[in-house]
Amino acid sequence: MKVPKSDHIITIEGASHRSTTVRNHKPLTAREREVLRLVAEGHKNKEIAQLLGISVKTVETHRANINNKLAFRNVVDLIRYAIQKFSLLRSRANSTIGIFKLV
């Protein structure tokens, strides 16, 4: 299948040796990215709601919107993506900090 160059592609590598490629048609809002980060950190919906000062139902709505925007089929895809995305960001930040310490 040919993918138009204008589409943003996300590949999720799974432990079951499969990868899922999805098109990201709509960007996530700042709040959705915040919820995604907290999911990656292992927080439950109730904890996320308390941390952000919103209702559990609102957290569930944000998670549903994330699933729809990124075309995830299940919660596992969402959590796997969140962990990969924020692990990568953390490793980039750590390597940048390491460079500055050496200079």
C-alpha atoms as a PDB file:
ATOM      1  CA  MET A   1       0.000   0.000   0.000  1.00  0.00           C
ATOM      2  CA  LYS A   2       1.407   3.382  -0.965  1.00  0.00           C
ATOM      3  CA  VAL A   3       1.242   6.088   1.686  1.00  0.00           C
ATOM      4  CA  PRO A   4       1.014   9.744   0.648  1.00  0.00           C
ATOM      5  CA  LYS A   5       4.046  11.725   1.768  1.00  0.00           C
ATOM      6  CA  SER A   6       1.849  14.306   3.500  1.00  0.00           C
ATOM      7  CA  ASP A   7       0.513  11.804   6.063  1.00  0.00           C
ATOM      8  CA  HIS A   8       2.205  11.493   9.428  1.00  0.00           C
ATOM      9  CA  ILE A   9       3.034   7.871  10.145  1.00  0.00           C
ATOM     10  CA  ILE A  10       3.436   6.275  13.546  1.00  0.00           C
ATOM     11  CA  THR A  11       4.843   2.765  13.861  1.00  0.00           C
ATOM     12  CA  ILE A  12       4.274   0.847  17.055  1.00  0.00           C
ATOM     13  CA  GLU A  13       6.576  -2.098  17.649  1.00  0.00           C
ATOM     14  CA  GLY A  14       4.920  -4.853  19.649  1.00  0.00           C
ATOM     15  CA  ALA A  15       6.347  -7.556  21.829  1.00  0.00           C
ATOM     16  CA  SER A  16       4.564 -10.098  19.657  1.00  0.00           C
ATOM     17  CA  HIS A  17       6.899  -9.188  16.752  1.00  0.00           C
ATOM     18  CA  ARG A  18       4.208  -7.299  14.905  1.00  0.00           C
ATOM     19  CA  SER A  19       4.161  -3.639  14.166  1.00  0.00           C
ATOM     20  CA  THR A  20       1.163  -1.440  13.678  1.00  0.00           C
ATOM     21  CA  THR A  21       1.360   1.544  11.388  1.00  0.00           C
ATOM     22  CA  VAL A  22      -1.290   4.218  11.709  1.00  0.00           C
ATOM     23  CA  ARG A  23      -1.897   7.550  10.081  1.00  0.00           C
ATOM     24  CA  ASN A  24      -2.147  10.519  12.395  1.00  0.00           C
ATOM     25  CA  HIS A  25      -4.715  12.693  10.616  1.00  0.00           C
ATOM     26  CA  LYS A  26      -5.352  15.097  13.489  1.00  0.00           C
ATOM     27  CA  PRO A  27      -2.777  16.342  15.985  1.00  0.00           C
ATOM     28  CA  LEU A  28      -3.345  15.738  19.680  1.00  0.00           C
ATOM     29  CA  THR A  29      -4.300  18.684  21.865  1.00  0.00           C
ATOM     30  CA  ALA A  30      -2.006  19.771  24.686  1.00  0.00           C
ATOM     31  CA  ARG A  31      -4.352  18.139  27.219  1.00  0.00           C
ATOM     32  CA  GLU A  32      -4.454  14.887  25.251  1.00  0.00           C
ATOM     33  CA  ARG A  33      -0.641  14.827  25.162  1.00  0.00           C
ATOM     34  CA  GLU A  34      -0.624  15.425  28.930  1.00  0.00           C
ATOM     35  CA  VAL A  35      -3.039  12.522  29.489  1.00  0.00           C
ATOM     36  CA  LEU A  36      -0.926  10.360  27.178  1.00  0.00           C
ATOM     37  CA  ARG A  37       2.212  11.184  29.193  1.00  0.00           C
ATOM     38  CA  LEU A  38       0.479  10.228  32.440  1.00  0.00           C
ATOM     39  CA  VAL A  39      -0.727   6.965  30.872  1.00  0.00           C
ATOM     40  CA  ALA A  40       2.899   6.251  29.903  1.00  0.00           C
ATOM     41  CA  GLU A  41       3.906   6.821  33.515  1.00  0.00           C
ATOM     42  CA  GLY A  42       1.424   4.126  34.571  1.00  0.00           C
ATOM     43  CA  HIS A  43      -1.289   6.273  36.135  1.00  0.00           C
ATOM     44  CA  LYS A  44      -4.871   5.038  36.230  1.00  0.00           C
ATOM     45  CA  ASN A  45      -7.762   7.209  35.015  1.00  0.00           C
ATOM     46  CA  LYS A  46      -8.724   8.177  38.578  1.00  0.00           C
ATOM     47  CA  GLU A  47      -5.157   9.261  39.375  1.00  0.00           C
ATOM     48  CA  ILE A  48      -4.900  11.237  36.129  1.00  0.00           C
ATOM     49  CA  ALA A  49      -8.183  12.980  36.959  1.00  0.00           C
ATOM     50  CA  GLN A  50      -6.898  13.961  40.399  1.00  0.00           C
ATOM     51  CA  LEU A  51      -3.544  15.166  39.067  1.00  0.00           C
ATOM     52  CA  LEU A  52      -5.158  17.316  36.366  1.00  0.00           C
ATOM     53  CA  GLY A  53      -8.155  18.478  38.417  1.00  0.00           C
ATOM     54  CA  ILE A  54     -10.688  17.016  35.982  1.00  0.00           C
ATOM     55  CA  SER A  55     -13.311  14.279  36.196  1.00  0.00           C
ATOM     56  CA  VAL A  56     -12.639  10.625  35.449  1.00  0.00           C
ATOM     57  CA  LYS A  57     -15.191  10.866  32.616  1.00  0.00           C
ATOM     58  CA  THR A  58     -13.137  13.689  31.039  1.00  0.00           C
ATOM     59  CA  VAL A  59     -10.004  11.538  31.228  1.00  0.00           C
ATOM     60  CA  GLU A  60     -11.917   8.704  29.548  1.00  0.00           C
ATOM     61  CA  THR A  61     -13.041  11.128  26.829  1.00  0.00           C
ATOM     62  CA  HIS A  62      -9.452  12.306  26.242  1.00  0.00           C
ATOM     63  CA  ARG A  63      -8.271   8.688  25.985  1.00  0.00           C
ATOM     64  CA  ALA A  64     -11.072   7.884  23.529  1.00  0.00           C
ATOM     65  CA  ASN A  65     -10.116  10.935  21.440  1.00  0.00           C
ATOM     66  CA  ILE A  66      -6.473   9.831  21.418  1.00  0.00           C
ATOM     67  CA  ASN A  67      -7.524   6.344  20.291  1.00  0.00           C
ATOM     68  CA  ASN A  68      -9.663   7.805  17.509  1.00  0.00           C
ATOM     69  CA  LYS A  69      -7.073  10.318  16.300  1.00  0.00           C
ATOM     70  CA  LEU A  70      -4.272   7.761  16.207  1.00  0.00           C
ATOM     71  CA  ALA A  71      -6.547   4.922  15.024  1.00  0.00           C
ATOM     72  CA  PHE A  72      -5.586   2.596  17.863  1.00  0.00           C
ATOM     73  CA  ARG A  73      -7.578  -0.621  18.050  1.00  0.00           C
ATOM     74  CA  ASN A  74      -7.257  -1.159  21.784  1.00  0.00           C
ATOM     75  CA  VAL A  75      -5.794   0.063  25.053  1.00  0.00           C
ATOM     76  CA  VAL A  76      -2.612  -1.938  24.515  1.00  0.00           C
ATOM     77  CA  ASP A  77      -1.810   0.071  21.357  1.00  0.00           C
ATOM     78  CA  LEU A  78      -2.365   3.325  23.281  1.00  0.00           C
ATOM     79  CA  ILE A  79      -0.168   2.314  26.208  1.00  0.00           C
ATOM     80  CA  ARG A  80       2.577   0.864  23.991  1.00  0.00           C
ATOM     81  CA  TYR A  81       2.681   4.074  21.926  1.00  0.00           C
ATOM     82  CA  ALA A  82       2.712   6.271  25.037  1.00  0.00           C
ATOM     83  CA  ILE A  83       5.593   4.359  26.590  1.00  0.00           C
ATOM     84  CA  GLN A  84       7.616   4.378  23.361  1.00  0.00           C
ATOM     85  CA  LYS A  85       6.978   8.065  22.700  1.00  0.00           C
ATOM     86  CA  PHE A  86       7.894   9.282  26.156  1.00  0.00           C
ATOM     87  CA  SER A  87      10.826   6.884  26.592  1.00  0.00           C
ATOM     88  CA  LEU A  88      12.285   8.287  23.378  1.00  0.00           C
ATOM     89  CA  LEU A  89      11.782  11.872  24.562  1.00  0.00           C
ATOM     90  CA  ARG A  90      13.401  11.072  27.915  1.00  0.00           C
ATOM     91  CA  SER A  91      16.415   9.428  26.276  1.00  0.00           C
ATOM     92  CA  ARG A  92      16.881  12.415  23.965  1.00  0.00           C
ATOM     93  CA  ALA A  93      16.707  14.802  26.927  1.00  0.00           C
ATOM     94  CA  ASN A  94      19.221  12.733  28.887  1.00  0.00           C
ATOM     95  CA  SER A  95      21.674  12.608  25.992  1.00  0.00           C
ATOM     96  CA  THR A  96      21.383  16.366  25.534  1.00  0.00           C
ATOM     97  CA  ILE A  97      22.031  16.940  29.225  1.00  0.00           C
ATOM     98  CA  GLY A  98      25.035  14.606  29.033  1.00  0.00           C
ATOM     99  CA  ILE A  99      26.516  16.646  26.181  1.00  0.00           C
ATOM    100  CA  PHE A 100      26.205  19.858  28.153  1.00  0.00           C
ATOM    101  CA  LYS A 101      27.847  18.283  31.201  1.00  0.00           C
ATOM    102  CA  LEU A 102      30.874  17.329  29.105  1.00  0.00           C
ATOM    103  CA  VAL A 103      31.352  20.812  27.678  1.00  0.00           C
END
